Amino acid sequence: MPAQMVANEVRMASRIHARLLDAFIDLTERELAGVSPGFAEESLMEALEALRAARKSYGSTAGVMVVSNLQLPQASNAA
């Protein structure tokens, strides 16, 4: 039974991480809505892409559905 206990602990930790990522994604989306086009916008869009990728991996481990599927335009690499 110890293996089951570890699996439950991993699943619970993944759910916590997924919830935190959901909250951070939401906060980042709200910040993005308030910035003008430019470097900050591109930076936030890139951050969202990374956060969403991380969220998907935690969601599959925890068995939690992705909450935000909002698609934003891809950030360019213009500097």
PDB file of N, CA and C in Angstrom:
ATOM      1  N   MET A   1       0.785  -1.216   0.000  1.00  0.00           N
ATOM      2  CA  MET A   1       0.000   0.000   0.000  1.00  0.00           C
ATOM      3  C   MET A   1       0.830   1.286   0.000  1.00  0.00           C
ATOM      4  N   PRO A   2       2.099   1.305   0.401  1.00  0.00           N
ATOM      5  CA  PRO A   2       2.865   2.548   0.376  1.00  0.00           C
ATOM      6  C   PRO A   2       2.915   3.192  -1.005  1.00  0.00           C
ATOM      7  N   ALA A   3       2.940   2.397  -2.068  1.00  0.00           N
ATOM      8  CA  ALA A   3       2.975   2.982  -3.415  1.00  0.00           C
ATOM      9  C   ALA A   3       1.727   3.788  -3.684  1.00  0.00           C
ATOM     10  N   GLN A   4       0.561   3.306  -3.228  1.00  0.00           N
ATOM     11  CA  GLN A   4      -0.690   4.042  -3.410  1.00  0.00           C
ATOM     12  C   GLN A   4      -0.648   5.364  -2.651  1.00  0.00           C
ATOM     13  N   MET A   5      -0.083   5.348  -1.452  1.00  0.00           N
ATOM     14  CA  MET A   5       0.016   6.558  -0.642  1.00  0.00           C
ATOM     15  C   MET A   5       0.867   7.613  -1.351  1.00  0.00           C
ATOM     16  N   VAL A   6       1.967   7.216  -1.936  1.00  0.00           N
ATOM     17  CA  VAL A   6       2.821   8.149  -2.671  1.00  0.00           C
ATOM     18  C   VAL A   6       2.065   8.704  -3.867  1.00  0.00           C
ATOM     19  N   ALA A   7       1.359   7.842  -4.589  1.00  0.00           N
ATOM     20  CA  ALA A   7       0.601   8.296  -5.750  1.00  0.00           C
ATOM     21  C   ALA A   7      -0.434   9.336  -5.339  1.00  0.00           C
ATOM     22  N   ASN A   8      -1.116   9.114  -4.214  1.00  0.00           N
ATOM     23  CA  ASN A   8      -2.100  10.093  -3.741  1.00  0.00           C
ATOM     24  C   ASN A   8      -1.428  11.409  -3.357  1.00  0.00           C
ATOM     25  N   GLU A   9      -0.253  11.326  -2.748  1.00  0.00           N
ATOM     26  CA  GLU A   9       0.473  12.541  -2.372  1.00  0.00           C
ATOM     27  C   GLU A   9       0.902  13.321  -3.613  1.00  0.00           C
ATOM     28  N   VAL A  10       1.357  12.605  -4.619  1.00  0.00           N
ATOM     29  CA  VAL A  10       1.764  13.259  -5.868  1.00  0.00           C
ATOM     30  C   VAL A  10       0.549  13.903  -6.533  1.00  0.00           C
ATOM     31  N   ARG A  11      -0.550  13.180  -6.555  1.00  0.00           N
ATOM     32  CA  ARG A  11      -1.770  13.709  -7.157  1.00  0.00           C
ATOM     33  C   ARG A  11      -2.250  14.963  -6.414  1.00  0.00           C
ATOM     34  N   MET A  12      -2.213  14.927  -5.076  1.00  0.00           N
ATOM     35  CA  MET A  12      -2.633  16.078  -4.291  1.00  0.00           C
ATOM     36  C   MET A  12      -1.707  17.277  -4.538  1.00  0.00           C
ATOM     37  N   ALA A  13      -0.404  17.034  -4.575  1.00  0.00           N
ATOM     38  CA  ALA A  13       0.545  18.118  -4.837  1.00  0.00           C
ATOM     39  C   ALA A  13       0.331  18.693  -6.233  1.00  0.00           C
ATOM     40  N   SER A  14       0.047  17.833  -7.192  1.00  0.00           N
ATOM     41  CA  SER A  14      -0.202  18.302  -8.559  1.00  0.00           C
ATOM     42  C   SER A  14      -1.444  19.170  -8.620  1.00  0.00           C
ATOM     43  N   ARG A  15      -2.467  18.811  -7.858  1.00  0.00           N
ATOM     44  CA  ARG A  15      -3.685  19.639  -7.822  1.00  0.00           C
ATOM     45  C   ARG A  15      -3.395  21.016  -7.242  1.00  0.00           C
ATOM     46  N   ILE A  16      -2.576  21.050  -6.219  1.00  0.00           N
ATOM     47  CA  ILE A  16      -2.213  22.345  -5.620  1.00  0.00           C
ATOM     48  C   ILE A  16      -1.460  23.190  -6.637  1.00  0.00           C
ATOM     49  N   HIS A  17      -0.485  22.592  -7.294  1.00  0.00           N
ATOM     50  CA  HIS A  17       0.278  23.326  -8.309  1.00  0.00           C
ATOM     51  C   HIS A  17      -0.635  23.792  -9.438  1.00  0.00           C
ATOM     52  N   ALA A  18      -1.564  22.944  -9.861  1.00  0.00           N
ATOM     53  CA  ALA A  18      -2.490  23.305 -10.929  1.00  0.00           C
ATOM     54  C   ALA A  18      -3.352  24.496 -10.513  1.00  0.00           C
ATOM     55  N   ARG A  19      -3.852  24.486  -9.270  1.00  0.00           N
ATOM     56  CA  ARG A  19      -4.661  25.610  -8.774  1.00  0.00           C
ATOM     57  C   ARG A  19      -3.852  26.900  -8.738  1.00  0.00           C
ATOM     58  N   LEU A  20      -2.611  26.807  -8.286  1.00  0.00           N
ATOM     59  CA  LEU A  20      -1.753  27.995  -8.238  1.00  0.00           C
ATOM     60  C   LEU A  20      -1.477  28.519  -9.646  1.00  0.00           C
ATOM     61  N   LEU A  21      -1.221  27.614 -10.576  1.00  0.00           N
ATOM     62  CA  LEU A  21      -0.999  28.034 -11.963  1.00  0.00           C
ATOM     63  C   LEU A  21      -2.254  28.668 -12.544  1.00  0.00           C
ATOM     64  N   ASP A  22      -3.439  28.111 -12.243  1.00  0.00           N
ATOM     65  CA  ASP A  22      -4.689  28.719 -12.713  1.00  0.00           C
ATOM     66  C   ASP A  22      -4.798  30.163 -12.220  1.00  0.00           C
ATOM     67  N   ALA A  23      -4.489  30.365 -10.945  1.00  0.00           N
ATOM     68  CA  ALA A  23      -4.577  31.709 -10.373  1.00  0.00           C
ATOM     69  C   ALA A  23      -3.556  32.648 -11.019  1.00  0.00           C
ATOM     70  N   PHE A  24      -2.344  32.160 -11.242  1.00  0.00           N
ATOM     71  CA  PHE A  24      -1.315  33.000 -11.841  1.00  0.00           C
ATOM     72  C   PHE A  24      -1.631  33.294 -13.306  1.00  0.00           C
ATOM     73  N   ILE A  25      -2.199  32.315 -14.004  1.00  0.00           N
ATOM     74  CA  ILE A  25      -2.628  32.545 -15.394  1.00  0.00           C
ATOM     75  C   ILE A  25      -3.698  33.620 -15.425  1.00  0.00           C
ATOM     76  N   ASP A  26      -4.670  33.530 -14.526  1.00  0.00           N
ATOM     77  CA  ASP A  26      -5.736  34.532 -14.470  1.00  0.00           C
ATOM     78  C   ASP A  26      -5.163  35.920 -14.184  1.00  0.00           C
ATOM     79  N   LEU A  27      -4.272  36.011 -13.220  1.00  0.00           N
ATOM     80  CA  LEU A  27      -3.652  37.297 -12.881  1.00  0.00           C
ATOM     81  C   LEU A  27      -2.863  37.853 -14.065  1.00  0.00           C
ATOM     82  N   THR A  28      -2.124  37.006 -14.743  1.00  0.00           N
ATOM     83  CA  THR A  28      -1.328  37.434 -15.890  1.00  0.00           C
ATOM     84  C   THR A  28      -2.232  37.901 -17.028  1.00  0.00           C
ATOM     85  N   GLU A  29      -3.345  37.194 -17.260  1.00  0.00           N
ATOM     86  CA  GLU A  29      -4.290  37.615 -18.302  1.00  0.00           C
ATOM     87  C   GLU A  29      -4.886  38.983 -17.989  1.00  0.00           C
ATOM     88  N   ARG A  30      -5.194  39.220 -16.712  1.00  0.00           N
ATOM     89  CA  ARG A  30      -5.733  40.535 -16.331  1.00  0.00           C
ATOM     90  C   ARG A  30      -4.689  41.637 -16.506  1.00  0.00           C
ATOM     91  N   GLU A  31      -3.447  41.357 -16.167  1.00  0.00           N
ATOM     92  CA  GLU A  31      -2.374  42.337 -16.382  1.00  0.00           C
ATOM     93  C   GLU A  31      -2.200  42.613 -17.870  1.00  0.00           C
ATOM     94  N   LEU A  32      -2.245  41.564 -18.666  1.00  0.00           N
ATOM     95  CA  LEU A  32      -2.076  41.692 -20.109  1.00  0.00           C
ATOM     96  C   LEU A  32      -3.154  42.578 -20.710  1.00  0.00           C
ATOM     97  N   ALA A  33      -4.365  42.478 -20.200  1.00  0.00           N
ATOM     98  CA  ALA A  33      -5.476  43.287 -20.717  1.00  0.00           C
ATOM     99  C   ALA A  33      -5.247  44.778 -20.493  1.00  0.00           C
ATOM    100  N   GLY A  34      -4.388  45.120 -19.546  1.00  0.00           N
ATOM    101  CA  GLY A  34      -4.179  46.524 -19.218  1.00  0.00           C
ATOM    102  C   GLY A  34      -2.909  47.147 -19.767  1.00  0.00           C
ATOM    103  N   VAL A  35      -2.125  46.401 -20.543  1.00  0.00           N
ATOM    104  CA  VAL A  35      -0.879  46.965 -21.058  1.00  0.00           C
ATOM    105  C   VAL A  35      -1.026  47.330 -22.529  1.00  0.00           C
ATOM    106  N   SER A  36      -0.247  48.299 -22.938  1.00  0.00           N
ATOM    107  CA  SER A  36      -0.219  48.714 -24.338  1.00  0.00           C
ATOM    108  C   SER A  36       0.652  47.757 -25.137  1.00  0.00           C
ATOM    109  N   PRO A  37       0.416  47.698 -26.442  1.00  0.00           N
ATOM    110  CA  PRO A  37       1.288  46.855 -27.273  1.00  0.00           C
ATOM    111  C   PRO A  37       2.752  47.254 -27.095  1.00  0.00           C
ATOM    112  N   GLY A  38       3.612  46.282 -27.073  1.00  0.00           N
ATOM    113  CA  GLY A  38       5.040  46.534 -26.909  1.00  0.00           C
ATOM    114  C   GLY A  38       5.694  45.411 -26.145  1.00  0.00           C
ATOM    115  N   PHE A  39       6.829  45.729 -25.546  1.00  0.00           N
ATOM    116  CA  PHE A  39       7.634  44.713 -24.886  1.00  0.00           C
ATOM    117  C   PHE A  39       6.891  44.029 -23.741  1.00  0.00           C
ATOM    118  N   ALA A  40       6.226  44.804 -22.889  1.00  0.00           N
ATOM    119  CA  ALA A  40       5.514  44.209 -21.747  1.00  0.00           C
ATOM    120  C   ALA A  40       4.443  43.240 -22.227  1.00  0.00           C
ATOM    121  N   GLU A  41       3.718  43.610 -23.263  1.00  0.00           N
ATOM    122  CA  GLU A  41       2.675  42.737 -23.810  1.00  0.00           C
ATOM    123  C   GLU A  41       3.289  41.426 -24.312  1.00  0.00           C
ATOM    124  N   GLU A  42       4.358  41.531 -25.082  1.00  0.00           N
ATOM    125  CA  GLU A  42       5.010  40.337 -25.623  1.00  0.00           C
ATOM    126  C   GLU A  42       5.556  39.456 -24.499  1.00  0.00           C
ATOM    127  N   SER A  43       6.129  40.084 -23.492  1.00  0.00           N
ATOM    128  CA  SER A  43       6.684  39.344 -22.373  1.00  0.00           C
ATOM    129  C   SER A  43       5.587  38.581 -21.623  1.00  0.00           C
ATOM    130  N   LEU A  44       4.466  39.244 -21.397  1.00  0.00           N
ATOM    131  CA  LEU A  44       3.360  38.588 -20.707  1.00  0.00           C
ATOM    132  C   LEU A  44       2.764  37.456 -21.546  1.00  0.00           C
ATOM    133  N   MET A  45       2.704  37.645 -22.847  1.00  0.00           N
ATOM    134  CA  MET A  45       2.190  36.599 -23.725  1.00  0.00           C
ATOM    135  C   MET A  45       3.106  35.374 -23.699  1.00  0.00           C
ATOM    136  N   GLU A  46       4.402  35.600 -23.684  1.00  0.00           N
ATOM    137  CA  GLU A  46       5.347  34.491 -23.590  1.00  0.00           C
ATOM    138  C   GLU A  46       5.231  33.785 -22.240  1.00  0.00           C
ATOM    139  N   ALA A  47       5.037  34.569 -21.191  1.00  0.00           N
ATOM    140  CA  ALA A  47       4.866  33.982 -19.856  1.00  0.00           C
ATOM    141  C   ALA A  47       3.606  33.124 -19.816  1.00  0.00           C
ATOM    142  N   LEU A  48       2.522  33.616 -20.413  1.00  0.00           N
ATOM    143  CA  LEU A  48       1.285  32.839 -20.452  1.00  0.00           C
ATOM    144  C   LEU A  48       1.466  31.515 -21.188  1.00  0.00           C
ATOM    145  N   GLU A  49       2.195  31.553 -22.265  1.00  0.00           N
ATOM    146  CA  GLU A  49       2.450  30.331 -23.022  1.00  0.00           C
ATOM    147  C   GLU A  49       3.156  29.295 -22.144  1.00  0.00           C
ATOM    148  N   ALA A  50       4.156  29.734 -21.404  1.00  0.00           N
ATOM    149  CA  ALA A  50       4.900  28.827 -20.522  1.00  0.00           C
ATOM    150  C   ALA A  50       4.021  28.342 -19.362  1.00  0.00           C
ATOM    151  N   LEU A  51       3.233  29.246 -18.799  1.00  0.00           N
ATOM    152  CA  LEU A  51       2.347  28.867 -17.697  1.00  0.00           C
ATOM    153  C   LEU A  51       1.310  27.843 -18.141  1.00  0.00           C
ATOM    154  N   ARG A  52       0.748  28.055 -19.325  1.00  0.00           N
ATOM    155  CA  ARG A  52      -0.257  27.119 -19.838  1.00  0.00           C
ATOM    156  C   ARG A  52       0.346  25.746 -20.116  1.00  0.00           C
ATOM    157  N   ALA A  53       1.566  25.720 -20.618  1.00  0.00           N
ATOM    158  CA  ALA A  53       2.233  24.436 -20.862  1.00  0.00           C
ATOM    159  C   ALA A  53       2.468  23.708 -19.537  1.00  0.00           C
ATOM    160  N   ALA A  54       2.914  24.441 -18.533  1.00  0.00           N
ATOM    161  CA  ALA A  54       3.119  23.840 -17.211  1.00  0.00           C
ATOM    162  C   ALA A  54       1.791  23.363 -16.633  1.00  0.00           C
ATOM    163  N   ARG A  55       0.754  24.154 -16.827  1.00  0.00           N
ATOM    164  CA  ARG A  55      -0.571  23.794 -16.299  1.00  0.00           C
ATOM    165  C   ARG A  55      -1.075  22.495 -16.917  1.00  0.00           C
ATOM    166  N   LYS A  56      -0.840  22.328 -18.203  1.00  0.00           N
ATOM    167  CA  LYS A  56      -1.276  21.095 -18.859  1.00  0.00           C
ATOM    168  C   LYS A  56      -0.581  19.878 -18.259  1.00  0.00           C
ATOM    169  N   SER A  57       0.698  19.997 -17.969  1.00  0.00           N
ATOM    170  CA  SER A  57       1.418  18.853 -17.411  1.00  0.00           C
ATOM    171  C   SER A  57       0.939  18.533 -16.000  1.00  0.00           C
ATOM    172  N   TYR A  58       0.697  19.542 -15.189  1.00  0.00           N
ATOM    173  CA  TYR A  58       0.183  19.289 -13.842  1.00  0.00           C
ATOM    174  C   TYR A  58      -1.239  18.766 -13.903  1.00  0.00           C
ATOM    175  N   GLY A  59      -2.018  19.275 -14.817  1.00  0.00           N
ATOM    176  CA  GLY A  59      -3.399  18.838 -14.936  1.00  0.00           C
ATOM    177  C   GLY A  59      -3.509  17.377 -15.288  1.00  0.00           C
ATOM    178  N   SER A  60      -2.640  16.896 -16.162  1.00  0.00           N
ATOM    179  CA  SER A  60      -2.699  15.485 -16.534  1.00  0.00           C
ATOM    180  C   SER A  60      -2.254  14.596 -15.380  1.00  0.00           C
ATOM    181  N   THR A  61      -1.314  15.058 -14.579  1.00  0.00           N
ATOM    182  CA  THR A  61      -0.860  14.290 -13.425  1.00  0.00           C
ATOM    183  C   THR A  61      -1.927  14.262 -12.339  1.00  0.00           C
ATOM    184  N   ALA A  62      -2.588  15.395 -12.143  1.00  0.00           N
ATOM    185  CA  ALA A  62      -3.561  15.509 -11.063  1.00  0.00           C
ATOM    186  C   ALA A  62      -4.959  15.067 -11.469  1.00  0.00           C
ATOM    187  N   GLY A  63      -5.184  14.914 -12.765  1.00  0.00           N
ATOM    188  CA  GLY A  63      -6.525  14.602 -13.220  1.00  0.00           C
ATOM    189  C   GLY A  63      -7.432  15.804 -13.144  1.00  0.00           C
ATOM    190  N   VAL A  64      -6.858  17.000 -13.317  1.00  0.00           N
ATOM    191  CA  VAL A  64      -7.608  18.248 -13.236  1.00  0.00           C
ATOM    192  C   VAL A  64      -7.724  18.833 -14.630  1.00  0.00           C
ATOM    193  N   MET A  65      -8.899  19.323 -14.991  1.00  0.00           N
ATOM    194  CA  MET A  65      -9.129  19.911 -16.303  1.00  0.00           C
ATOM    195  C   MET A  65      -8.506  21.307 -16.383  1.00  0.00           C
ATOM    196  N   VAL A  66      -8.066  21.684 -17.570  1.00  0.00           N
ATOM    197  CA  VAL A  66      -7.550  23.027 -17.809  1.00  0.00           C
ATOM    198  C   VAL A  66      -8.722  23.995 -17.754  1.00  0.00           C
ATOM    199  N   VAL A  67      -8.583  25.078 -16.974  1.00  0.00           N
ATOM    200  CA  VAL A  67      -9.664  26.035 -16.804  1.00  0.00           C
ATOM    201  C   VAL A  67      -9.659  27.075 -17.898  1.00  0.00           C
ATOM    202  N   SER A  68      -8.504  27.592 -18.256  1.00  0.00           N
ATOM    203  CA  SER A  68      -8.412  28.671 -19.229  1.00  0.00           C
ATOM    204  C   SER A  68      -7.852  28.153 -20.543  1.00  0.00           C
ATOM    205  N   ASN A  69      -8.662  28.221 -21.576  1.00  0.00           N
ATOM    206  CA  ASN A  69      -8.207  27.842 -22.909  1.00  0.00           C
ATOM    207  C   ASN A  69      -8.129  29.056 -23.816  1.00  0.00           C
ATOM    208  N   LEU A  70      -8.145  30.235 -23.238  1.00  0.00           N
ATOM    209  CA  LEU A  70      -8.088  31.476 -24.012  1.00  0.00           C
ATOM    210  C   LEU A  70      -6.822  31.479 -24.853  1.00  0.00           C
ATOM    211  N   GLN A  71      -7.002  31.642 -26.134  1.00  0.00           N
ATOM    212  CA  GLN A  71      -5.857  31.689 -27.042  1.00  0.00           C
ATOM    213  C   GLN A  71      -5.526  33.144 -27.361  1.00  0.00           C
ATOM    214  N   LEU A  72      -4.288  33.488 -27.168  1.00  0.00           N
ATOM    215  CA  LEU A  72      -3.812  34.839 -27.459  1.00  0.00           C
ATOM    216  C   LEU A  72      -2.873  34.769 -28.633  1.00  0.00           C
ATOM    217  N   PRO A  73      -2.729  35.866 -29.361  1.00  0.00           N
ATOM    218  CA  PRO A  73      -1.791  35.874 -30.487  1.00  0.00           C
ATOM    219  C   PRO A  73      -0.383  35.538 -30.011  1.00  0.00           C
ATOM    220  N   GLN A  74       0.369  34.882 -30.864  1.00  0.00           N
ATOM    221  CA  GLN A  74       1.747  34.540 -30.539  1.00  0.00           C
ATOM    222  C   GLN A  74       2.597  35.788 -30.439  1.00  0.00           C
ATOM    223  N   ALA A  75       3.498  35.812 -29.479  1.00  0.00           N
ATOM    224  CA  ALA A  75       4.418  36.925 -29.323  1.00  0.00           C
ATOM    225  C   ALA A  75       5.509  36.830 -30.383  1.00  0.00           C
ATOM    226  N   SER A  76       5.896  37.957 -30.891  1.00  0.00           N
ATOM    227  CA  SER A  76       7.007  37.952 -31.845  1.00  0.00           C
ATOM    228  C   SER A  76       8.316  38.043 -31.050  1.00  0.00           C
ATOM    229  N   ASN A  77       9.402  37.765 -31.675  1.00  0.00           N
ATOM    230  CA  ASN A  77      10.694  37.846 -31.008  1.00  0.00           C
ATOM    231  C   ASN A  77      11.398  39.156 -31.316  1.00  0.00           C
ATOM    232  N   ALA A  78      10.648  40.136 -31.813  1.00  0.00           N
ATOM    233  CA  ALA A  78      11.251  41.432 -32.130  1.00  0.00           C
ATOM    234  C   ALA A  78      11.699  42.099 -30.844  1.00  0.00           C
ATOM    235  N   ALA A  79      12.887  42.600 -30.851  1.00  0.00           N
ATOM    236  CA  ALA A  79      13.391  43.265 -29.635  1.00  0.00           C
ATOM    237  C   ALA A  79      13.806  44.683 -29.967  1.00  0.00           C
TER     238      ALA A  79
END
